[in-house]
Amino acid sequence: MATTPKSEAIRISRVLEQVLGGDRFPVDVRALALEWSSQTCPDQPILAIKTVPLPSFEGMLAKSPKGNGWMIGVNEDVESEGRIRFTIAHEFGHYMLHRERQSRFNCSNQDMHSWDPHGRDIEVEADTFASYLLMPLNDFRAQVDGHPFSMDLLRHCADRYGVSVTAAALKWREVAPGRVIVLSAKDGFLDWSCSNERAFRSGAYFATRNETIEPPAQSVLNNAVRSATGTSCIIPANAWLSRESAELEIEEHAFVIEGSGFNYTLGVLILPDIERHLMDEDELLSPLTGIPSFR
């Protein structure tokens, strides 16, 4: 069986569970990257994880000057510990998956975190690895199954796995039983958007890389304020997506995310289930999602 980002992360997670048990979160990704690489590849391990505070820099993986191992660099001059953790896991993903392809990986925010489920480039693969390593699917499902969506649920997951609320929302999108779109609004327009498979295959997605898209006038993303619970509403489905029936409604949630140097509104759209003929693969357009920041 070919190695994939998911299978590699799951393999490591199973070993961690056997050694540390189920109550092993958040993953100590720094120690894991150093120990795992030294045990599995002693001739080319990850030698160190160093701080590299450069503007617009997220992380890097590079072969050491002597060629006897690898170094991870990470910009820790950011407010979000969840973002730092995810970046280290992302670079560890490059080490596990891609180190035979090249000797250096420089990852800016523009390079990382596209979260396009139909993409196949190495940055998407490293993000997928990081997501499954930090938030294993079986444990994540155990946290959310039977619970209605809420900000409290996202915060619980974010705290358990040591990730950002945005990363937790994107993971919840993946396991949600119905059609879900996670998106970000900033300065009156969508910044990025990511549909889960069910939503995308029904035609429910926003091509934010190609289009300038405003939230509907009645959307709570337009006037959300920071609060512990966020803001929610029910609006007609075709207010967001013209192809949806006028009789259907969308459950909309908005959460203001603020920090040093960033400020945006995280949105979660829960769409009604529908019976719709799925498009052929050659009719599908890649969901151009923009760049989630994981802050």
C-alpha atoms as a PDB file:
ATOM      1  CA  MET A   1       0.000   0.000   0.000  1.00  0.00           C
ATOM      2  CA  ALA A   2       1.342   3.420  -0.969  1.00  0.00           C
ATOM      3  CA  THR A   3       2.228   5.826   1.811  1.00  0.00           C
ATOM      4  CA  THR A   4      -0.141   8.771   2.094  1.00  0.00           C
ATOM      5  CA  PRO A   5      -0.153  11.755   4.476  1.00  0.00           C
ATOM      6  CA  LYS A   6      -3.128  10.250   6.322  1.00  0.00           C
ATOM      7  CA  SER A   7      -1.710   6.728   6.559  1.00  0.00           C
ATOM      8  CA  GLU A   8       1.665   7.981   7.795  1.00  0.00           C
ATOM      9  CA  ALA A   9       0.099  10.171  10.480  1.00  0.00           C
ATOM     10  CA  ILE A  10      -2.240   7.347  11.541  1.00  0.00           C
ATOM     11  CA  ARG A  11       0.696   4.939  11.811  1.00  0.00           C
ATOM     12  CA  ILE A  12       2.553   7.300  14.140  1.00  0.00           C
ATOM     13  CA  SER A  13      -0.612   8.015  16.164  1.00  0.00           C
ATOM     14  CA  ARG A  14      -1.189   4.300  16.755  1.00  0.00           C
ATOM     15  CA  VAL A  15       2.311   3.922  18.147  1.00  0.00           C
ATOM     16  CA  LEU A  16       1.767   6.923  20.428  1.00  0.00           C
ATOM     17  CA  GLU A  17      -1.504   5.454  21.652  1.00  0.00           C
ATOM     18  CA  GLN A  18       0.146   2.129  22.436  1.00  0.00           C
ATOM     19  CA  VAL A  19       2.967   3.807  24.332  1.00  0.00           C
ATOM     20  CA  LEU A  20       1.151   6.710  26.019  1.00  0.00           C
ATOM     21  CA  GLY A  21      -2.489   5.606  26.050  1.00  0.00           C
ATOM     22  CA  GLY A  22      -5.586   7.478  24.983  1.00  0.00           C
ATOM     23  CA  ASP A  23      -5.050  10.471  27.260  1.00  0.00           C
ATOM     24  CA  ARG A  24      -1.982  11.719  25.393  1.00  0.00           C
ATOM     25  CA  PHE A  25      -3.087  15.088  24.071  1.00  0.00           C
ATOM     26  CA  PRO A  26      -1.955  17.583  23.077  1.00  0.00           C
ATOM     27  CA  VAL A  27       0.790  15.808  21.134  1.00  0.00           C
ATOM     28  CA  ASP A  28       4.281  16.946  22.149  1.00  0.00           C
ATOM     29  CA  VAL A  29       5.183  17.458  18.515  1.00  0.00           C
ATOM     30  CA  ARG A  30       8.644  18.874  19.239  1.00  0.00           C
ATOM     31  CA  ALA A  31       9.753  15.833  21.200  1.00  0.00           C
ATOM     32  CA  LEU A  32       7.979  13.502  18.781  1.00  0.00           C
ATOM     33  CA  ALA A  33       9.747  14.873  15.686  1.00  0.00           C
ATOM     34  CA  LEU A  34      13.169  14.571  17.318  1.00  0.00           C
ATOM     35  CA  GLU A  35      12.617  11.121  18.856  1.00  0.00           C
ATOM     36  CA  TRP A  36      10.772   9.532  15.947  1.00  0.00           C
ATOM     37  CA  SER A  37      13.334  10.653  13.388  1.00  0.00           C
ATOM     38  CA  SER A  38      16.275   9.478  15.511  1.00  0.00           C
ATOM     39  CA  GLN A  39      14.687   6.059  16.021  1.00  0.00           C
ATOM     40  CA  THR A  40      13.476   5.453  12.479  1.00  0.00           C
ATOM     41  CA  CYS A  41      16.205   7.213  10.491  1.00  0.00           C
ATOM     42  CA  PRO A  42      19.304   7.424  12.731  1.00  0.00           C
ATOM     43  CA  ASP A  43      21.595   8.340   9.827  1.00  0.00           C
ATOM     44  CA  GLN A  44      19.441  11.350   8.826  1.00  0.00           C
ATOM     45  CA  PRO A  45      17.450  12.460  11.905  1.00  0.00           C
ATOM     46  CA  ILE A  46      15.940  15.824  12.746  1.00  0.00           C
ATOM     47  CA  LEU A  47      18.771  17.310  14.790  1.00  0.00           C
ATOM     48  CA  ALA A  48      17.077  20.397  16.226  1.00  0.00           C
ATOM     49  CA  ILE A  49      14.020  22.652  16.108  1.00  0.00           C
ATOM     50  CA  LYS A  50      15.111  26.275  16.129  1.00  0.00           C
ATOM     51  CA  THR A  51      13.442  29.681  16.270  1.00  0.00           C
ATOM     52  CA  VAL A  52      13.780  31.699  13.062  1.00  0.00           C
ATOM     53  CA  PRO A  53      11.909  35.036  13.522  1.00  0.00           C
ATOM     54  CA  LEU A  54      11.656  36.296   9.936  1.00  0.00           C
ATOM     55  CA  PRO A  55       8.776  38.380   8.501  1.00  0.00           C
ATOM     56  CA  SER A  56       6.206  36.375   6.501  1.00  0.00           C
ATOM     57  CA  PHE A  57       8.005  33.197   7.552  1.00  0.00           C
ATOM     58  CA  GLU A  58       6.058  30.263   8.995  1.00  0.00           C
ATOM     59  CA  GLY A  59       8.479  27.371   9.052  1.00  0.00           C
ATOM     60  CA  MET A  60      11.175  25.499   7.219  1.00  0.00           C
ATOM     61  CA  LEU A  61      12.811  22.118   6.930  1.00  0.00           C
ATOM     62  CA  ALA A  62      16.374  22.042   5.668  1.00  0.00           C
ATOM     63  CA  LYS A  63      19.267  19.640   5.508  1.00  0.00           C
ATOM     64  CA  SER A  64      21.983  20.484   8.025  1.00  0.00           C
ATOM     65  CA  PRO A  65      25.176  22.151   6.742  1.00  0.00           C
ATOM     66  CA  LYS A  66      27.167  18.956   7.395  1.00  0.00           C
ATOM     67  CA  GLY A  67      24.553  16.843   5.631  1.00  0.00           C
ATOM     68  CA  ASN A  68      24.183  14.527   8.623  1.00  0.00           C
ATOM     69  CA  GLY A  69      20.552  15.354   9.401  1.00  0.00           C
ATOM     70  CA  TRP A  70      17.768  17.907   9.160  1.00  0.00           C
ATOM     71  CA  MET A  71      16.764  21.094  10.950  1.00  0.00           C
ATOM     72  CA  ILE A  72      13.297  22.504  11.522  1.00  0.00           C
ATOM     73  CA  GLY A  73      12.976  26.275  11.792  1.00  0.00           C
ATOM     74  CA  VAL A  74       9.800  27.907  13.050  1.00  0.00           C
ATOM     75  CA  ASN A  75       8.722  31.499  13.531  1.00  0.00           C
ATOM     76  CA  GLU A  76       7.692  31.653  17.181  1.00  0.00           C
ATOM     77  CA  ASP A  77       7.165  35.409  17.065  1.00  0.00           C
ATOM     78  CA  VAL A  78       3.412  34.863  16.783  1.00  0.00           C
ATOM     79  CA  GLU A  79       0.675  34.967  19.360  1.00  0.00           C
ATOM     80  CA  SER A  80      -0.918  31.613  18.601  1.00  0.00           C
ATOM     81  CA  GLU A  81       0.631  28.545  20.239  1.00  0.00           C
ATOM     82  CA  GLY A  82      -1.725  26.457  18.139  1.00  0.00           C
ATOM     83  CA  ARG A  83      -0.251  27.931  14.976  1.00  0.00           C
ATOM     84  CA  ILE A  84       3.303  27.171  16.140  1.00  0.00           C
ATOM     85  CA  ARG A  85       2.355  23.581  16.977  1.00  0.00           C
ATOM     86  CA  PHE A  86       0.700  23.105  13.593  1.00  0.00           C
ATOM     87  CA  THR A  87       3.710  24.585  11.770  1.00  0.00           C
ATOM     88  CA  ILE A  88       6.121  22.175  13.476  1.00  0.00           C
ATOM     89  CA  ALA A  89       3.821  19.276  12.617  1.00  0.00           C
ATOM     90  CA  HIS A  90       3.678  20.558   9.021  1.00  0.00           C
ATOM     91  CA  GLU A  91       7.486  20.579   8.741  1.00  0.00           C
ATOM     92  CA  PHE A  92       7.635  17.123  10.340  1.00  0.00           C
ATOM     93  CA  GLY A  93       5.240  16.088   7.580  1.00  0.00           C
ATOM     94  CA  HIS A  94       7.687  17.334   4.961  1.00  0.00           C
ATOM     95  CA  TYR A  95      10.404  15.280   6.665  1.00  0.00           C
ATOM     96  CA  MET A  96       8.310  12.110   6.727  1.00  0.00           C
ATOM     97  CA  LEU A  97       6.867  12.470   3.229  1.00  0.00           C
ATOM     98  CA  HIS A  98       9.101  14.593   1.032  1.00  0.00           C
ATOM     99  CA  ARG A  99      12.716  14.660   2.192  1.00  0.00           C
ATOM    100  CA  GLU A 100      13.816  12.497  -0.738  1.00  0.00           C
ATOM    101  CA  ARG A 101      12.517  15.112  -3.188  1.00  0.00           C
ATOM    102  CA  GLN A 102      14.483  18.172  -2.114  1.00  0.00           C
ATOM    103  CA  SER A 103      16.877  19.396   0.553  1.00  0.00           C
ATOM    104  CA  ARG A 104      15.016  22.518   1.697  1.00  0.00           C
ATOM    105  CA  PHE A 105      11.407  23.516   2.273  1.00  0.00           C
ATOM    106  CA  ASN A 106      10.631  27.188   2.919  1.00  0.00           C
ATOM    107  CA  CYS A 107       7.015  27.589   4.015  1.00  0.00           C
ATOM    108  CA  SER A 108       5.455  31.035   4.135  1.00  0.00           C
ATOM    109  CA  ASN A 109       1.813  31.604   4.953  1.00  0.00           C
ATOM    110  CA  GLN A 110       1.215  31.849   1.198  1.00  0.00           C
ATOM    111  CA  ASP A 111       2.702  28.381   0.727  1.00  0.00           C
ATOM    112  CA  MET A 112       0.972  26.635   3.615  1.00  0.00           C
ATOM    113  CA  HIS A 113      -2.581  25.873   4.651  1.00  0.00           C
ATOM    114  CA  SER A 114      -4.514  25.901   1.374  1.00  0.00           C
ATOM    115  CA  TRP A 115      -6.770  23.091   2.646  1.00  0.00           C
ATOM    116  CA  ASP A 116      -7.906  22.213  -0.850  1.00  0.00           C
ATOM    117  CA  PRO A 117      -9.168  18.602  -0.501  1.00  0.00           C
ATOM    118  CA  HIS A 118      -8.586  18.004  -4.209  1.00  0.00           C
ATOM    119  CA  GLY A 119      -5.090  19.467  -4.261  1.00  0.00           C
ATOM    120  CA  ARG A 120      -2.073  17.178  -4.531  1.00  0.00           C
ATOM    121  CA  ASP A 121       0.885  19.459  -3.915  1.00  0.00           C
ATOM    122  CA  ILE A 122       3.335  18.871  -1.103  1.00  0.00           C
ATOM    123  CA  GLU A 123       2.102  21.758   1.059  1.00  0.00           C
ATOM    124  CA  VAL A 124      -1.409  20.311   1.106  1.00  0.00           C
ATOM    125  CA  GLU A 125       0.060  16.901   1.938  1.00  0.00           C
ATOM    126  CA  ALA A 126       2.075  18.348   4.835  1.00  0.00           C
ATOM    127  CA  ASP A 127      -1.043  20.088   6.168  1.00  0.00           C
ATOM    128  CA  THR A 128      -3.038  16.857   5.951  1.00  0.00           C
ATOM    129  CA  PHE A 129      -0.298  14.992   7.822  1.00  0.00           C
ATOM    130  CA  ALA A 130      -0.252  17.663  10.545  1.00  0.00           C
ATOM    131  CA  SER A 131      -4.033  17.598  10.928  1.00  0.00           C
ATOM    132  CA  TYR A 132      -4.192  13.820  11.327  1.00  0.00           C
ATOM    133  CA  LEU A 133      -1.166  13.714  13.624  1.00  0.00           C
ATOM    134  CA  LEU A 134      -2.399  16.415  16.018  1.00  0.00           C
ATOM    135  CA  MET A 135      -6.112  15.535  15.787  1.00  0.00           C
ATOM    136  CA  PRO A 136      -6.483  11.799  15.055  1.00  0.00           C
ATOM    137  CA  LEU A 137      -9.812  11.126  13.431  1.00  0.00           C
ATOM    138  CA  ASN A 138     -10.980   8.414  15.839  1.00  0.00           C
ATOM    139  CA  ASP A 139     -10.320  10.564  18.903  1.00  0.00           C
ATOM    140  CA  PHE A 140     -11.788  13.683  17.288  1.00  0.00           C
ATOM    141  CA  ARG A 141     -14.971  11.808  16.433  1.00  0.00           C
ATOM    142  CA  ALA A 142     -15.203  10.596  20.034  1.00  0.00           C
ATOM    143  CA  GLN A 143     -15.111  14.224  21.196  1.00  0.00           C
ATOM    144  CA  VAL A 144     -17.808  15.525  18.852  1.00  0.00           C
ATOM    145  CA  ASP A 145     -20.187  12.644  18.128  1.00  0.00           C
ATOM    146  CA  GLY A 146     -23.598  13.259  19.621  1.00  0.00           C
ATOM    147  CA  HIS A 147     -22.897  16.929  20.333  1.00  0.00           C
ATOM    148  CA  PRO A 148     -24.504  19.762  18.376  1.00  0.00           C
ATOM    149  CA  PHE A 149     -22.135  22.229  16.791  1.00  0.00           C
ATOM    150  CA  SER A 150     -21.175  25.132  19.052  1.00  0.00           C
ATOM    151  CA  MET A 151     -18.292  27.415  19.893  1.00  0.00           C
ATOM    152  CA  ASP A 152     -17.871  25.533  23.174  1.00  0.00           C
ATOM    153  CA  LEU A 153     -17.393  22.308  21.210  1.00  0.00           C
ATOM    154  CA  LEU A 154     -14.746  23.934  19.020  1.00  0.00           C
ATOM    155  CA  ARG A 155     -12.948  25.365  22.056  1.00  0.00           C
ATOM    156  CA  HIS A 156     -12.986  21.955  23.756  1.00  0.00           C
ATOM    157  CA  CYS A 157     -11.331  20.395  20.693  1.00  0.00           C
ATOM    158  CA  ALA A 158      -8.870  23.271  20.289  1.00  0.00           C
ATOM    159  CA  ASP A 159      -7.816  22.943  23.946  1.00  0.00           C
ATOM    160  CA  ARG A 160      -7.578  19.146  23.826  1.00  0.00           C
ATOM    161  CA  TYR A 161      -5.308  19.090  20.788  1.00  0.00           C
ATOM    162  CA  GLY A 162      -3.445  22.349  21.363  1.00  0.00           C
ATOM    163  CA  VAL A 163      -4.533  23.842  18.051  1.00  0.00           C
ATOM    164  CA  SER A 164      -6.370  26.978  17.004  1.00  0.00           C
ATOM    165  CA  VAL A 165     -10.156  27.231  16.905  1.00  0.00           C
ATOM    166  CA  THR A 166      -9.873  27.589  13.134  1.00  0.00           C
ATOM    167  CA  ALA A 167      -7.956  24.303  12.828  1.00  0.00           C
ATOM    168  CA  ALA A 168     -10.559  22.613  15.045  1.00  0.00           C
ATOM    169  CA  ALA A 169     -13.372  23.991  12.867  1.00  0.00           C
ATOM    170  CA  LEU A 170     -11.704  22.678   9.718  1.00  0.00           C
ATOM    171  CA  LYS A 171     -11.338  19.246  11.327  1.00  0.00           C
ATOM    172  CA  TRP A 172     -14.978  19.274  12.436  1.00  0.00           C
ATOM    173  CA  ARG A 173     -15.924  20.091   8.845  1.00  0.00           C
ATOM    174  CA  GLU A 174     -14.196  16.878   7.815  1.00  0.00           C
ATOM    175  CA  VAL A 175     -16.156  14.610  10.197  1.00  0.00           C
ATOM    176  CA  ALA A 176     -19.521  16.426  10.086  1.00  0.00           C
ATOM    177  CA  PRO A 177     -22.306  14.151   8.836  1.00  0.00           C
ATOM    178  CA  GLY A 178     -23.864  16.685   6.450  1.00  0.00           C
ATOM    179  CA  ARG A 179     -22.808  19.513   4.168  1.00  0.00           C
ATOM    180  CA  VAL A 180     -20.522  22.073   5.822  1.00  0.00           C
ATOM    181  CA  ILE A 181     -18.547  25.086   4.640  1.00  0.00           C
ATOM    182  CA  VAL A 182     -15.938  26.758   6.859  1.00  0.00           C
ATOM    183  CA  LEU A 183     -14.897  30.231   5.774  1.00  0.00           C
ATOM    184  CA  SER A 184     -13.313  33.478   6.853  1.00  0.00           C
ATOM    185  CA  ALA A 185     -14.528  37.029   6.292  1.00  0.00           C
ATOM    186  CA  LYS A 186     -12.335  40.111   6.553  1.00  0.00           C
ATOM    187  CA  ASP A 187     -12.988  43.717   5.594  1.00  0.00           C
ATOM    188  CA  GLY A 188     -16.412  42.871   4.187  1.00  0.00           C
ATOM    189  CA  PHE A 189     -15.312  40.039   1.866  1.00  0.00           C
ATOM    190  CA  LEU A 190     -14.564  36.328   2.055  1.00  0.00           C
ATOM    191  CA  ASP A 191     -10.865  35.720   2.658  1.00  0.00           C
ATOM    192  CA  TRP A 192     -10.948  31.943   2.195  1.00  0.00           C
ATOM    193  CA  SER A 193     -13.474  29.119   2.129  1.00  0.00           C
ATOM    194  CA  CYS A 194     -13.338  25.339   2.441  1.00  0.00           C
ATOM    195  CA  SER A 195     -16.243  22.966   1.788  1.00  0.00           C
ATOM    196  CA  ASN A 196     -16.341  19.389   2.993  1.00  0.00           C
ATOM    197  CA  GLU A 197     -16.678  16.650   0.410  1.00  0.00           C
ATOM    198  CA  ARG A 198     -20.471  16.424   0.610  1.00  0.00           C
ATOM    199  CA  ALA A 199     -20.899  20.148   0.178  1.00  0.00           C
ATOM    200  CA  PHE A 200     -18.367  20.401  -2.620  1.00  0.00           C
ATOM    201  CA  ARG A 201     -19.827  17.543  -4.612  1.00  0.00           C
ATOM    202  CA  SER A 202     -23.259  19.172  -4.397  1.00  0.00           C
ATOM    203  CA  GLY A 203     -21.816  22.361  -5.880  1.00  0.00           C
ATOM    204  CA  ALA A 204     -21.731  24.250  -2.575  1.00  0.00           C
ATOM    205  CA  TYR A 205     -18.388  26.049  -2.498  1.00  0.00           C
ATOM    206  CA  PHE A 206     -16.912  29.514  -3.036  1.00  0.00           C
ATOM    207  CA  ALA A 207     -14.047  30.131  -5.477  1.00  0.00           C
ATOM    208  CA  THR A 208     -12.384  32.800  -3.354  1.00  0.00           C
ATOM    209  CA  ARG A 209      -9.117  32.727  -5.283  1.00  0.00           C
ATOM    210  CA  ASN A 210     -10.879  33.691  -8.494  1.00  0.00           C
ATOM    211  CA  GLU A 211     -13.720  35.881  -7.265  1.00  0.00           C
ATOM    212  CA  THR A 212     -14.304  38.711  -4.816  1.00  0.00           C
ATOM    213  CA  ILE A 213     -17.237  37.489  -2.740  1.00  0.00           C
ATOM    214  CA  GLU A 214     -19.263  39.455  -0.208  1.00  0.00           C
ATOM    215  CA  PRO A 215     -21.306  37.714   2.486  1.00  0.00           C
ATOM    216  CA  PRO A 216     -25.071  38.156   2.015  1.00  0.00           C
ATOM    217  CA  ALA A 217     -26.529  41.280   3.584  1.00  0.00           C
ATOM    218  CA  GLN A 218     -28.380  39.217   6.210  1.00  0.00           C
ATOM    219  CA  SER A 219     -25.305  37.162   7.157  1.00  0.00           C
ATOM    220  CA  VAL A 220     -24.099  37.492  10.749  1.00  0.00           C
ATOM    221  CA  LEU A 221     -20.536  37.581   9.407  1.00  0.00           C
ATOM    222  CA  ASN A 222     -21.207  41.216   8.531  1.00  0.00           C
ATOM    223  CA  ASN A 223     -21.784  42.374  12.085  1.00  0.00           C
ATOM    224  CA  ALA A 224     -20.436  39.694  14.406  1.00  0.00           C
ATOM    225  CA  VAL A 225     -18.855  40.892  17.640  1.00  0.00           C
ATOM    226  CA  ARG A 226     -16.444  39.037  19.866  1.00  0.00           C
ATOM    227  CA  SER A 227     -18.277  36.903  22.400  1.00  0.00           C
ATOM    228  CA  ALA A 228     -17.867  33.622  24.245  1.00  0.00           C
ATOM    229  CA  THR A 229     -20.589  31.885  22.257  1.00  0.00           C
ATOM    230  CA  GLY A 230     -20.313  33.609  18.894  1.00  0.00           C
ATOM    231  CA  THR A 231     -23.305  34.702  16.836  1.00  0.00           C
ATOM    232  CA  SER A 232     -25.746  32.437  15.006  1.00  0.00           C
ATOM    233  CA  CYS A 233     -28.699  32.775  12.691  1.00  0.00           C
ATOM    234  CA  ILE A 234     -30.813  30.944  10.118  1.00  0.00           C
ATOM    235  CA  ILE A 235     -30.913  32.397   6.604  1.00  0.00           C
ATOM    236  CA  PRO A 236     -32.255  31.200   3.241  1.00  0.00           C
ATOM    237  CA  ALA A 237     -29.819  28.833   1.560  1.00  0.00           C
ATOM    238  CA  ASN A 238     -29.989  30.671  -1.750  1.00  0.00           C
ATOM    239  CA  ALA A 239     -28.847  33.887  -0.060  1.00  0.00           C
ATOM    240  CA  TRP A 240     -25.405  32.286   0.026  1.00  0.00           C
ATOM    241  CA  LEU A 241     -25.703  29.864  -2.887  1.00  0.00           C
ATOM    242  CA  SER A 242     -27.973  30.727  -5.783  1.00  0.00           C
ATOM    243  CA  ARG A 243     -28.237  27.100  -6.890  1.00  0.00           C
ATOM    244  CA  GLU A 244     -29.867  26.082  -3.603  1.00  0.00           C
ATOM    245  CA  SER A 245     -33.640  25.877  -3.313  1.00  0.00           C
ATOM    246  CA  ALA A 246     -35.399  28.940  -1.931  1.00  0.00           C
ATOM    247  CA  GLU A 247     -37.221  26.622   0.473  1.00  0.00           C
ATOM    248  CA  LEU A 248     -34.010  25.467   2.190  1.00  0.00           C
ATOM    249  CA  GLU A 249     -32.241  27.235   5.059  1.00  0.00           C
ATOM    250  CA  ILE A 250     -28.637  27.442   6.244  1.00  0.00           C
ATOM    251  CA  GLU A 251     -27.576  27.419   9.885  1.00  0.00           C
ATOM    252  CA  GLU A 252     -24.871  30.065  10.133  1.00  0.00           C
ATOM    253  CA  HIS A 253     -22.347  30.591  12.938  1.00  0.00           C
ATOM    254  CA  ALA A 254     -19.830  33.434  13.203  1.00  0.00           C
ATOM    255  CA  PHE A 255     -16.914  33.796  15.623  1.00  0.00           C
ATOM    256  CA  VAL A 256     -14.627  36.817  15.800  1.00  0.00           C
ATOM    257  CA  ILE A 257     -10.958  35.792  15.929  1.00  0.00           C
ATOM    258  CA  GLU A 258      -8.592  38.495  17.168  1.00  0.00           C
ATOM    259  CA  GLY A 259      -4.902  38.569  17.906  1.00  0.00           C
ATOM    260  CA  SER A 260      -1.718  40.532  17.433  1.00  0.00           C
ATOM    261  CA  GLY A 261      -1.517  41.334  13.739  1.00  0.00           C
ATOM    262  CA  PHE A 262      -4.653  39.483  12.650  1.00  0.00           C
ATOM    263  CA  ASN A 263      -8.395  39.930  12.926  1.00  0.00           C
ATOM    264  CA  TYR A 264     -11.086  38.059  11.007  1.00  0.00           C
ATOM    265  CA  THR A 265     -14.485  36.432  11.426  1.00  0.00           C
ATOM    266  CA  LEU A 266     -14.603  32.654  11.244  1.00  0.00           C
ATOM    267  CA  GLY A 267     -17.829  31.375   9.727  1.00  0.00           C
ATOM    268  CA  VAL A 268     -19.375  27.902   9.749  1.00  0.00           C
ATOM    269  CA  LEU A 269     -22.261  27.235   7.372  1.00  0.00           C
ATOM    270  CA  ILE A 270     -24.275  24.080   8.046  1.00  0.00           C
ATOM    271  CA  LEU A 271     -26.281  23.339   4.919  1.00  0.00           C
ATOM    272  CA  PRO A 272     -29.420  21.187   4.747  1.00  0.00           C
ATOM    273  CA  ASP A 273     -29.033  17.699   3.340  1.00  0.00           C
ATOM    274  CA  ILE A 274     -30.344  17.308  -0.175  1.00  0.00           C
ATOM    275  CA  GLU A 275     -30.673  14.561  -2.734  1.00  0.00           C
ATOM    276  CA  ARG A 276     -28.814  15.766  -5.781  1.00  0.00           C
ATOM    277  CA  HIS A 277     -27.264  13.915  -8.691  1.00  0.00           C
ATOM    278  CA  LEU A 278     -23.507  14.052  -8.168  1.00  0.00           C
ATOM    279  CA  MET A 279     -21.489  15.599 -10.942  1.00  0.00           C
ATOM    280  CA  ASP A 280     -19.053  13.502 -12.934  1.00  0.00           C
ATOM    281  CA  GLU A 281     -15.419  13.860 -11.900  1.00  0.00           C
ATOM    282  CA  ASP A 282     -14.562  15.810 -15.050  1.00  0.00           C
ATOM    283  CA  GLU A 283     -17.284  18.323 -14.228  1.00  0.00           C
ATOM    284  CA  LEU A 284     -15.919  19.080 -10.769  1.00  0.00           C
ATOM    285  CA  LEU A 285     -14.032  22.320 -10.309  1.00  0.00           C
ATOM    286  CA  SER A 286     -11.371  22.475  -7.650  1.00  0.00           C
ATOM    287  CA  PRO A 287     -12.683  24.461  -4.629  1.00  0.00           C
ATOM    288  CA  LEU A 288     -10.365  27.442  -4.709  1.00  0.00           C
ATOM    289  CA  THR A 289     -10.173  27.999  -1.018  1.00  0.00           C
ATOM    290  CA  GLY A 290      -7.759  30.800  -0.230  1.00  0.00           C
ATOM    291  CA  ILE A 291      -5.312  30.572   2.646  1.00  0.00           C
ATOM    292  CA  PRO A 292      -6.527  29.747   6.173  1.00  0.00           C
ATOM    293  CA  SER A 293      -4.093  31.101   8.753  1.00  0.00           C
ATOM    294  CA  PHE A 294      -4.716  28.558  11.553  1.00  0.00           C
ATOM    295  CA  ARG A 295      -4.466  31.433  14.055  1.00  0.00           C
END
